[in-house]
Amino acid sequence: MAPRTVTMVIGLAFLLAGLLIMFLPMTSDTPGGSPVSCGNALGIGFDEVAVEKIDPAFVGICGRLRSERMGWALPMAIGGGVVLAAGGLLGRRRSRR
């Protein structure tokens, strides 16, 4: 396989993995063992009012979980996009010469 193809496949894999991780839902367990939905890293699917009724502390816990996941999933997706774009641009410049 050509280096350009390998670079683009790796970049695409990191981009898709980062996006997938951002959209996967998260849960936290109460001391009683029942799950509390925290939504995904973007906050989609998180009902703050419903979670606050269970326990107000879980609003902060879910916020911390979302920020931690976004803290490593977003750089993974951006890095994959940069590698993918660099592979595309690198191959074009070499093929013109």
PDB file of N, CA and C in Angstrom:
ATOM      1  N   MET A   1       0.835  -1.166   0.000  1.00  0.00           N
ATOM      2  CA  MET A   1       0.000   0.000   0.000  1.00  0.00           C
ATOM      3  C   MET A   1       0.888   1.239   0.000  1.00  0.00           C
ATOM      4  N   ALA A   2       0.458   2.241  -0.716  1.00  0.00           N
ATOM      5  CA  ALA A   2       1.220   3.476  -0.821  1.00  0.00           C
ATOM      6  C   ALA A   2       1.196   4.241   0.507  1.00  0.00           C
ATOM      7  N   PRO A   3       2.263   4.987   0.809  1.00  0.00           N
ATOM      8  CA  PRO A   3       2.300   5.756   2.059  1.00  0.00           C
ATOM      9  C   PRO A   3       1.127   6.741   2.180  1.00  0.00           C
ATOM     10  N   ARG A   4       0.718   7.305   1.064  1.00  0.00           N
ATOM     11  CA  ARG A   4      -0.411   8.234   1.082  1.00  0.00           C
ATOM     12  C   ARG A   4      -1.685   7.506   1.531  1.00  0.00           C
ATOM     13  N   THR A   5      -1.902   6.324   1.029  1.00  0.00           N
ATOM     14  CA  THR A   5      -3.097   5.552   1.381  1.00  0.00           C
ATOM     15  C   THR A   5      -3.070   5.164   2.851  1.00  0.00           C
ATOM     16  N   VAL A   6      -1.912   4.729   3.325  1.00  0.00           N
ATOM     17  CA  VAL A   6      -1.781   4.351   4.739  1.00  0.00           C
ATOM     18  C   VAL A   6      -2.051   5.561   5.630  1.00  0.00           C
ATOM     19  N   THR A   7      -1.486   6.706   5.274  1.00  0.00           N
ATOM     20  CA  THR A   7      -1.693   7.923   6.053  1.00  0.00           C
ATOM     21  C   THR A   7      -3.160   8.307   6.089  1.00  0.00           C
ATOM     22  N   MET A   8      -3.826   8.219   4.951  1.00  0.00           N
ATOM     23  CA  MET A   8      -5.230   8.601   4.892  1.00  0.00           C
ATOM     24  C   MET A   8      -6.112   7.607   5.659  1.00  0.00           C
ATOM     25  N   VAL A   9      -5.800   6.333   5.622  1.00  0.00           N
ATOM     26  CA  VAL A   9      -6.572   5.335   6.357  1.00  0.00           C
ATOM     27  C   VAL A   9      -6.408   5.549   7.867  1.00  0.00           C
ATOM     28  N   ILE A  10      -5.191   5.813   8.307  1.00  0.00           N
ATOM     29  CA  ILE A  10      -4.950   6.066   9.730  1.00  0.00           C
ATOM     30  C   ILE A  10      -5.665   7.343  10.169  1.00  0.00           C
ATOM     31  N   GLY A  11      -5.575   8.392   9.371  1.00  0.00           N
ATOM     32  CA  GLY A  11      -6.267   9.633   9.698  1.00  0.00           C
ATOM     33  C   GLY A  11      -7.768   9.449   9.775  1.00  0.00           C
ATOM     34  N   LEU A  12      -8.328   8.708   8.820  1.00  0.00           N
ATOM     35  CA  LEU A  12      -9.765   8.452   8.819  1.00  0.00           C
ATOM     36  C   LEU A  12     -10.173   7.626  10.033  1.00  0.00           C
ATOM     37  N   ALA A  13      -9.350   6.655  10.400  1.00  0.00           N
ATOM     38  CA  ALA A  13      -9.657   5.823  11.572  1.00  0.00           C
ATOM     39  C   ALA A  13      -9.688   6.666  12.851  1.00  0.00           C
ATOM     40  N   PHE A  14      -8.714   7.549  13.020  1.00  0.00           N
ATOM     41  CA  PHE A  14      -8.690   8.403  14.205  1.00  0.00           C
ATOM     42  C   PHE A  14      -9.852   9.396  14.199  1.00  0.00           C
ATOM     43  N   LEU A  15     -10.166   9.953  13.052  1.00  0.00           N
ATOM     44  CA  LEU A  15     -11.283  10.886  12.944  1.00  0.00           C
ATOM     45  C   LEU A  15     -12.597  10.207  13.320  1.00  0.00           C
ATOM     46  N   LEU A  16     -12.854   9.046  12.740  1.00  0.00           N
ATOM     47  CA  LEU A  16     -14.096   8.333  13.030  1.00  0.00           C
ATOM     48  C   LEU A  16     -14.157   7.838  14.470  1.00  0.00           C
ATOM     49  N   ALA A  17     -13.032   7.380  15.002  1.00  0.00           N
ATOM     50  CA  ALA A  17     -13.010   6.917  16.394  1.00  0.00           C
ATOM     51  C   ALA A  17     -13.301   8.074  17.352  1.00  0.00           C
ATOM     52  N   GLY A  18     -12.710   9.233  17.103  1.00  0.00           N
ATOM     53  CA  GLY A  18     -12.962  10.392  17.951  1.00  0.00           C
ATOM     54  C   GLY A  18     -14.417  10.821  17.902  1.00  0.00           C
ATOM     55  N   LEU A  19     -15.007  10.829  16.710  1.00  0.00           N
ATOM     56  CA  LEU A  19     -16.412  11.204  16.578  1.00  0.00           C
ATOM     57  C   LEU A  19     -17.325  10.175  17.235  1.00  0.00           C
ATOM     58  N   LEU A  20     -17.013   8.908  17.063  1.00  0.00           N
ATOM     59  CA  LEU A  20     -17.820   7.854  17.682  1.00  0.00           C
ATOM     60  C   LEU A  20     -17.785   7.960  19.201  1.00  0.00           C
ATOM     61  N   ILE A  21     -16.617   8.190  19.752  1.00  0.00           N
ATOM     62  CA  ILE A  21     -16.474   8.303  21.195  1.00  0.00           C
ATOM     63  C   ILE A  21     -17.258   9.503  21.717  1.00  0.00           C
ATOM     64  N   MET A  22     -17.277  10.592  20.956  1.00  0.00           N
ATOM     65  CA  MET A  22     -18.042  11.773  21.382  1.00  0.00           C
ATOM     66  C   MET A  22     -19.540  11.508  21.422  1.00  0.00           C
ATOM     67  N   PHE A  23     -20.040  10.661  20.519  1.00  0.00           N
ATOM     68  CA  PHE A  23     -21.470  10.434  20.426  1.00  0.00           C
ATOM     69  C   PHE A  23     -21.975   9.243  21.249  1.00  0.00           C
ATOM     70  N   LEU A  24     -21.088   8.439  21.827  1.00  0.00           N
ATOM     71  CA  LEU A  24     -21.523   7.318  22.660  1.00  0.00           C
ATOM     72  C   LEU A  24     -22.078   7.838  23.980  1.00  0.00           C
ATOM     73  N   PRO A  25     -23.211   7.300  24.435  1.00  0.00           N
ATOM     74  CA  PRO A  25     -23.794   7.773  25.696  1.00  0.00           C
ATOM     75  C   PRO A  25     -23.000   7.297  26.912  1.00  0.00           C
ATOM     76  N   MET A  26     -23.095   8.091  27.978  1.00  0.00           N
ATOM     77  CA  MET A  26     -22.410   7.775  29.224  1.00  0.00           C
ATOM     78  C   MET A  26     -23.444   7.619  30.331  1.00  0.00           C
ATOM     79  N   THR A  27     -23.140   6.810  31.308  1.00  0.00           N
ATOM     80  CA  THR A  27     -23.986   6.671  32.493  1.00  0.00           C
ATOM     81  C   THR A  27     -23.118   6.680  33.738  1.00  0.00           C
ATOM     82  N   SER A  28     -23.744   7.032  34.826  1.00  0.00           N
ATOM     83  CA  SER A  28     -23.102   6.974  36.133  1.00  0.00           C
ATOM     84  C   SER A  28     -24.059   6.222  37.046  1.00  0.00           C
ATOM     85  N   ASP A  29     -23.545   5.511  38.012  1.00  0.00           N
ATOM     86  CA  ASP A  29     -24.392   4.729  38.916  1.00  0.00           C
ATOM     87  C   ASP A  29     -24.602   5.462  40.238  1.00  0.00           C
ATOM     88  N   THR A  30     -25.816   5.404  40.727  1.00  0.00           N
ATOM     89  CA  THR A  30     -26.126   5.947  42.047  1.00  0.00           C
ATOM     90  C   THR A  30     -25.610   4.982  43.110  1.00  0.00           C
ATOM     91  N   PRO A  31     -25.528   5.420  44.356  1.00  0.00           N
ATOM     92  CA  PRO A  31     -25.113   4.489  45.420  1.00  0.00           C
ATOM     93  C   PRO A  31     -26.039   3.276  45.526  1.00  0.00           C
ATOM     94  N   GLY A  32     -27.303   3.435  45.108  1.00  0.00           N
ATOM     95  CA  GLY A  32     -28.236   2.309  45.138  1.00  0.00           C
ATOM     96  C   GLY A  32     -28.064   1.350  43.972  1.00  0.00           C
ATOM     97  N   GLY A  33     -27.234   1.740  42.989  1.00  0.00           N
ATOM     98  CA  GLY A  33     -26.955   0.872  41.856  1.00  0.00           C
ATOM     99  C   GLY A  33     -27.755   1.164  40.605  1.00  0.00           C
ATOM    100  N   SER A  34     -28.649   2.139  40.647  1.00  0.00           N
ATOM    101  CA  SER A  34     -29.423   2.448  39.438  1.00  0.00           C
ATOM    102  C   SER A  34     -28.632   3.410  38.553  1.00  0.00           C
ATOM    103  N   PRO A  35     -28.683   3.214  37.242  1.00  0.00           N
ATOM    104  CA  PRO A  35     -27.916   4.066  36.334  1.00  0.00           C
ATOM    105  C   PRO A  35     -28.570   5.436  36.137  1.00  0.00           C
ATOM    106  N   VAL A  36     -27.712   6.451  35.931  1.00  0.00           N
ATOM    107  CA  VAL A  36     -28.151   7.809  35.632  1.00  0.00           C
ATOM    108  C   VAL A  36     -27.544   8.165  34.283  1.00  0.00           C
ATOM    109  N   SER A  37     -28.385   8.538  33.317  1.00  0.00           N
ATOM    110  CA  SER A  37     -27.906   8.883  31.987  1.00  0.00           C
ATOM    111  C   SER A  37     -27.270  10.271  31.989  1.00  0.00           C
ATOM    112  N   CYS A  38     -26.043  10.330  31.506  1.00  0.00           N
ATOM    113  CA  CYS A  38     -25.329  11.607  31.418  1.00  0.00           C
ATOM    114  C   CYS A  38     -25.281  12.130  29.988  1.00  0.00           C
ATOM    115  N   GLY A  39     -25.953  11.493  29.069  1.00  0.00           N
ATOM    116  CA  GLY A  39     -25.907  11.917  27.671  1.00  0.00           C
ATOM    117  C   GLY A  39     -24.583  11.526  27.044  1.00  0.00           C
ATOM    118  N   ASN A  40     -24.188  12.251  26.013  1.00  0.00           N
ATOM    119  CA  ASN A  40     -22.888  11.992  25.401  1.00  0.00           C
ATOM    120  C   ASN A  40     -21.954  13.156  25.688  1.00  0.00           C
ATOM    121  N   ALA A  41     -20.772  13.151  25.104  1.00  0.00           N
ATOM    122  CA  ALA A  41     -19.784  14.184  25.383  1.00  0.00           C
ATOM    123  C   ALA A  41     -20.240  15.564  24.929  1.00  0.00           C
ATOM    124  N   LEU A  42     -21.155  15.619  23.977  1.00  0.00           N
ATOM    125  CA  LEU A  42     -21.669  16.896  23.493  1.00  0.00           C
ATOM    126  C   LEU A  42     -22.854  17.385  24.327  1.00  0.00           C
ATOM    127  N   GLY A  43     -23.331  16.578  25.261  1.00  0.00           N
ATOM    128  CA  GLY A  43     -24.450  16.939  26.106  1.00  0.00           C
ATOM    129  C   GLY A  43     -25.799  16.533  25.544  1.00  0.00           C
ATOM    130  N   ILE A  44     -25.812  15.891  24.390  1.00  0.00           N
ATOM    131  CA  ILE A  44     -27.061  15.443  23.786  1.00  0.00           C
ATOM    132  C   ILE A  44     -27.588  14.259  24.589  1.00  0.00           C
ATOM    133  N   GLY A  45     -28.841  14.308  24.982  1.00  0.00           N
ATOM    134  CA  GLY A  45     -29.448  13.223  25.743  1.00  0.00           C
ATOM    135  C   GLY A  45     -29.350  13.403  27.247  1.00  0.00           C
ATOM    136  N   PHE A  46     -28.855  14.550  27.688  1.00  0.00           N
ATOM    137  CA  PHE A  46     -28.724  14.812  29.120  1.00  0.00           C
ATOM    138  C   PHE A  46     -29.886  15.688  29.565  1.00  0.00           C
ATOM    139  N   ASP A  47     -30.681  15.202  30.505  1.00  0.00           N
ATOM    140  CA  ASP A  47     -31.808  15.947  31.051  1.00  0.00           C
ATOM    141  C   ASP A  47     -31.427  16.403  32.461  1.00  0.00           C
ATOM    142  N   GLU A  48     -30.981  17.640  32.554  1.00  0.00           N
ATOM    143  CA  GLU A  48     -30.468  18.157  33.819  1.00  0.00           C
ATOM    144  C   GLU A  48     -31.539  18.168  34.913  1.00  0.00           C
ATOM    145  N   VAL A  49     -32.761  18.503  34.558  1.00  0.00           N
ATOM    146  CA  VAL A  49     -33.844  18.556  35.547  1.00  0.00           C
ATOM    147  C   VAL A  49     -34.123  17.169  36.133  1.00  0.00           C
ATOM    148  N   ALA A  50     -34.183  16.163  35.276  1.00  0.00           N
ATOM    149  CA  ALA A  50     -34.449  14.800  35.750  1.00  0.00           C
ATOM    150  C   ALA A  50     -33.307  14.276  36.609  1.00  0.00           C
ATOM    151  N   VAL A  51     -32.071  14.583  36.220  1.00  0.00           N
ATOM    152  CA  VAL A  51     -30.913  14.118  36.992  1.00  0.00           C
ATOM    153  C   VAL A  51     -30.851  14.848  38.327  1.00  0.00           C
ATOM    154  N   GLU A  52     -31.192  16.126  38.338  1.00  0.00           N
ATOM    155  CA  GLU A  52     -31.167  16.888  39.585  1.00  0.00           C
ATOM    156  C   GLU A  52     -32.205  16.367  40.579  1.00  0.00           C
ATOM    157  N   LYS A  53     -33.317  15.830  40.081  1.00  0.00           N
ATOM    158  CA  LYS A  53     -34.330  15.252  40.971  1.00  0.00           C
ATOM    159  C   LYS A  53     -33.799  13.995  41.660  1.00  0.00           C
ATOM    160  N   ILE A  54     -32.956  13.237  40.972  1.00  0.00           N
ATOM    161  CA  ILE A  54     -32.372  12.030  41.568  1.00  0.00           C
ATOM    162  C   ILE A  54     -31.376  12.435  42.657  1.00  0.00           C
ATOM    163  N   ASP A  55     -30.416  13.292  42.272  1.00  0.00           N
ATOM    164  CA  ASP A  55     -29.424  13.793  43.218  1.00  0.00           C
ATOM    165  C   ASP A  55     -28.721  14.968  42.557  1.00  0.00           C
ATOM    166  N   PRO A  56     -28.716  16.136  43.180  1.00  0.00           N
ATOM    167  CA  PRO A  56     -28.069  17.312  42.564  1.00  0.00           C
ATOM    168  C   PRO A  56     -26.580  17.119  42.303  1.00  0.00           C
ATOM    169  N   ALA A  57     -25.926  16.255  43.034  1.00  0.00           N
ATOM    170  CA  ALA A  57     -24.495  16.025  42.828  1.00  0.00           C
ATOM    171  C   ALA A  57     -24.211  15.389  41.476  1.00  0.00           C
ATOM    172  N   PHE A  58     -25.181  14.655  40.942  1.00  0.00           N
ATOM    173  CA  PHE A  58     -24.954  13.983  39.662  1.00  0.00           C
ATOM    174  C   PHE A  58     -24.877  14.947  38.489  1.00  0.00           C
ATOM    175  N   VAL A  59     -25.419  16.145  38.639  1.00  0.00           N
ATOM    176  CA  VAL A  59     -25.286  17.147  37.580  1.00  0.00           C
ATOM    177  C   VAL A  59     -23.808  17.494  37.396  1.00  0.00           C
ATOM    178  N   GLY A  60     -23.105  17.704  38.496  1.00  0.00           N
ATOM    179  CA  GLY A  60     -21.668  17.984  38.435  1.00  0.00           C
ATOM    180  C   GLY A  60     -20.861  16.787  37.983  1.00  0.00           C
ATOM    181  N   ILE A  61     -21.251  15.603  38.433  1.00  0.00           N
ATOM    182  CA  ILE A  61     -20.551  14.378  38.047  1.00  0.00           C
ATOM    183  C   ILE A  61     -20.672  14.158  36.548  1.00  0.00           C
ATOM    184  N   CYS A  62     -21.888  14.328  36.023  1.00  0.00           N
ATOM    185  CA  CYS A  62     -22.094  14.151  34.582  1.00  0.00           C
ATOM    186  C   CYS A  62     -21.328  15.211  33.785  1.00  0.00           C
ATOM    187  N   GLY A  63     -21.291  16.432  34.292  1.00  0.00           N
ATOM    188  CA  GLY A  63     -20.521  17.484  33.625  1.00  0.00           C
ATOM    189  C   GLY A  63     -19.040  17.156  33.568  1.00  0.00           C
ATOM    190  N   ARG A  64     -18.509  16.619  34.661  1.00  0.00           N
ATOM    191  CA  ARG A  64     -17.098  16.224  34.690  1.00  0.00           C
ATOM    192  C   ARG A  64     -16.829  15.071  33.731  1.00  0.00           C
ATOM    193  N   LEU A  65     -17.737  14.087  33.688  1.00  0.00           N
ATOM    194  CA  LEU A  65     -17.575  12.964  32.765  1.00  0.00           C
ATOM    195  C   LEU A  65     -17.574  13.445  31.315  1.00  0.00           C
ATOM    196  N   ARG A  66     -18.482  14.358  30.986  1.00  0.00           N
ATOM    197  CA  ARG A  66     -18.545  14.875  29.612  1.00  0.00           C
ATOM    198  C   ARG A  66     -17.277  15.638  29.256  1.00  0.00           C
ATOM    199  N   SER A  67     -16.794  16.466  30.168  1.00  0.00           N
ATOM    200  CA  SER A  67     -15.596  17.251  29.855  1.00  0.00           C
ATOM    201  C   SER A  67     -14.351  16.360  29.748  1.00  0.00           C
ATOM    202  N   GLU A  68     -14.265  15.323  30.577  1.00  0.00           N
ATOM    203  CA  GLU A  68     -13.126  14.401  30.470  1.00  0.00           C
ATOM    204  C   GLU A  68     -13.130  13.656  29.143  1.00  0.00           C
ATOM    205  N   ARG A  69     -14.308  13.189  28.738  1.00  0.00           N
ATOM    206  CA  ARG A  69     -14.386  12.467  27.472  1.00  0.00           C
ATOM    207  C   ARG A  69     -14.087  13.399  26.298  1.00  0.00           C
ATOM    208  N   MET A  70     -14.628  14.611  26.338  1.00  0.00           N
ATOM    209  CA  MET A  70     -14.381  15.566  25.265  1.00  0.00           C
ATOM    210  C   MET A  70     -12.908  15.975  25.227  1.00  0.00           C
ATOM    211  N   GLY A  71     -12.269  15.975  26.406  1.00  0.00           N
ATOM    212  CA  GLY A  71     -10.866  16.371  26.498  1.00  0.00           C
ATOM    213  C   GLY A  71      -9.920  15.480  25.722  1.00  0.00           C
ATOM    214  N   TRP A  72     -10.266  14.233  25.519  1.00  0.00           N
ATOM    215  CA  TRP A  72      -9.377  13.379  24.720  1.00  0.00           C
ATOM    216  C   TRP A  72     -10.011  12.940  23.408  1.00  0.00           C
ATOM    217  N   ALA A  73     -11.331  12.969  23.285  1.00  0.00           N
ATOM    218  CA  ALA A  73     -11.957  12.562  22.028  1.00  0.00           C
ATOM    219  C   ALA A  73     -11.858  13.660  20.967  1.00  0.00           C
ATOM    220  N   LEU A  74     -11.981  14.912  21.377  1.00  0.00           N
ATOM    221  CA  LEU A  74     -11.894  16.009  20.413  1.00  0.00           C
ATOM    222  C   LEU A  74     -10.494  16.122  19.800  1.00  0.00           C
ATOM    223  N   PRO A  75      -9.416  16.086  20.596  1.00  0.00           N
ATOM    224  CA  PRO A  75      -8.092  16.097  19.965  1.00  0.00           C
ATOM    225  C   PRO A  75      -7.850  14.893  19.060  1.00  0.00           C
ATOM    226  N   MET A  76      -8.419  13.746  19.408  1.00  0.00           N
ATOM    227  CA  MET A  76      -8.274  12.567  18.560  1.00  0.00           C
ATOM    228  C   MET A  76      -8.950  12.803  17.209  1.00  0.00           C
ATOM    229  N   ALA A  77     -10.148  13.352  17.218  1.00  0.00           N
ATOM    230  CA  ALA A  77     -10.878  13.617  15.975  1.00  0.00           C
ATOM    231  C   ALA A  77     -10.189  14.703  15.154  1.00  0.00           C
ATOM    232  N   ILE A  78      -9.741  15.762  15.798  1.00  0.00           N
ATOM    233  CA  ILE A  78      -9.057  16.846  15.083  1.00  0.00           C
ATOM    234  C   ILE A  78      -7.731  16.352  14.515  1.00  0.00           C
ATOM    235  N   GLY A  79      -6.978  15.608  15.312  1.00  0.00           N
ATOM    236  CA  GLY A  79      -5.709  15.058  14.823  1.00  0.00           C
ATOM    237  C   GLY A  79      -5.918  14.123  13.645  1.00  0.00           C
ATOM    238  N   GLY A  80      -6.949  13.300  13.711  1.00  0.00           N
ATOM    239  CA  GLY A  80      -7.257  12.416  12.588  1.00  0.00           C
ATOM    240  C   GLY A  80      -7.624  13.201  11.341  1.00  0.00           C
ATOM    241  N   GLY A  81      -8.386  14.277  11.519  1.00  0.00           N
ATOM    242  CA  GLY A  81      -8.736  15.119  10.381  1.00  0.00           C
ATOM    243  C   GLY A  81      -7.516  15.790   9.766  1.00  0.00           C
ATOM    244  N   VAL A  82      -6.590  16.230  10.610  1.00  0.00           N
ATOM    245  CA  VAL A  82      -5.362  16.854  10.115  1.00  0.00           C
ATOM    246  C   VAL A  82      -4.508  15.842   9.355  1.00  0.00           C
ATOM    247  N   VAL A  83      -4.367  14.639   9.904  1.00  0.00           N
ATOM    248  CA  VAL A  83      -3.585  13.591   9.232  1.00  0.00           C
ATOM    249  C   VAL A  83      -4.245  13.202   7.911  1.00  0.00           C
ATOM    250  N   LEU A  84      -5.564  13.103   7.903  1.00  0.00           N
ATOM    251  CA  LEU A  84      -6.299  12.778   6.679  1.00  0.00           C
ATOM    252  C   LEU A  84      -6.093  13.857   5.621  1.00  0.00           C
ATOM    253  N   ALA A  85      -6.212  15.110   6.019  1.00  0.00           N
ATOM    254  CA  ALA A  85      -6.011  16.210   5.078  1.00  0.00           C
ATOM    255  C   ALA A  85      -4.561  16.282   4.593  1.00  0.00           C
ATOM    256  N   ALA A  86      -3.629  16.057   5.513  1.00  0.00           N
ATOM    257  CA  ALA A  86      -2.217  16.087   5.125  1.00  0.00           C
ATOM    258  C   ALA A  86      -1.897  14.965   4.139  1.00  0.00           C
ATOM    259  N   GLY A  87      -2.470  13.799   4.346  1.00  0.00           N
ATOM    260  CA  GLY A  87      -2.261  12.692   3.413  1.00  0.00           C
ATOM    261  C   GLY A  87      -2.816  13.007   2.038  1.00  0.00           C
ATOM    262  N   GLY A  88      -3.954  13.664   2.002  1.00  0.00           N
ATOM    263  CA  GLY A  88      -4.536  14.048   0.718  1.00  0.00           C
ATOM    264  C   GLY A  88      -3.724  15.107   0.011  1.00  0.00           C
ATOM    265  N   LEU A  89      -3.249  16.103   0.764  1.00  0.00           N
ATOM    266  CA  LEU A  89      -2.452  17.172   0.156  1.00  0.00           C
ATOM    267  C   LEU A  89      -1.064  16.695  -0.231  1.00  0.00           C
ATOM    268  N   LEU A  90      -0.474  15.858   0.594  1.00  0.00           N
ATOM    269  CA  LEU A  90       0.865  15.343   0.319  1.00  0.00           C
ATOM    270  C   LEU A  90       0.873  14.520  -0.957  1.00  0.00           C
ATOM    271  N   GLY A  91      -0.128  13.708  -1.146  1.00  0.00           N
ATOM    272  CA  GLY A  91      -0.201  12.878  -2.342  1.00  0.00           C
ATOM    273  C   GLY A  91      -0.420  13.692  -3.601  1.00  0.00           C
ATOM    274  N   ARG A  92      -1.176  14.757  -3.511  1.00  0.00           N
ATOM    275  CA  ARG A  92      -1.420  15.600  -4.682  1.00  0.00           C
ATOM    276  C   ARG A  92      -0.161  16.317  -5.126  1.00  0.00           C
ATOM    277  N   ARG A  93       0.601  16.823  -4.166  1.00  0.00           N
ATOM    278  CA  ARG A  93       1.824  17.535  -4.534  1.00  0.00           C
ATOM    279  C   ARG A  93       2.847  16.616  -5.162  1.00  0.00           C
ATOM    280  N   ARG A  94       2.971  15.409  -4.662  1.00  0.00           N
ATOM    281  CA  ARG A  94       3.943  14.463  -5.215  1.00  0.00           C
ATOM    282  C   ARG A  94       3.538  13.979  -6.610  1.00  0.00           C
ATOM    283  N   SER A  95       2.241  13.817  -6.834  1.00  0.00           N
ATOM    284  CA  SER A  95       1.811  13.301  -8.120  1.00  0.00           C
ATOM    285  C   SER A  95       1.941  14.335  -9.234  1.00  0.00           C
ATOM    286  N   ARG A  96       2.005  15.615  -8.904  1.00  0.00           N
ATOM    287  CA  ARG A  96       2.142  16.659  -9.919  1.00  0.00           C
ATOM    288  C   ARG A  96       3.578  16.769 -10.440  1.00  0.00           C
ATOM    289  N   ARG A  97       4.537  16.367  -9.682  1.00  0.00           N
ATOM    290  CA  ARG A  97       5.937  16.521 -10.087  1.00  0.00           C
ATOM    291  C   ARG A  97       6.352  15.499 -11.065  1.00  0.00           C
TER     292      ARG A  97
END
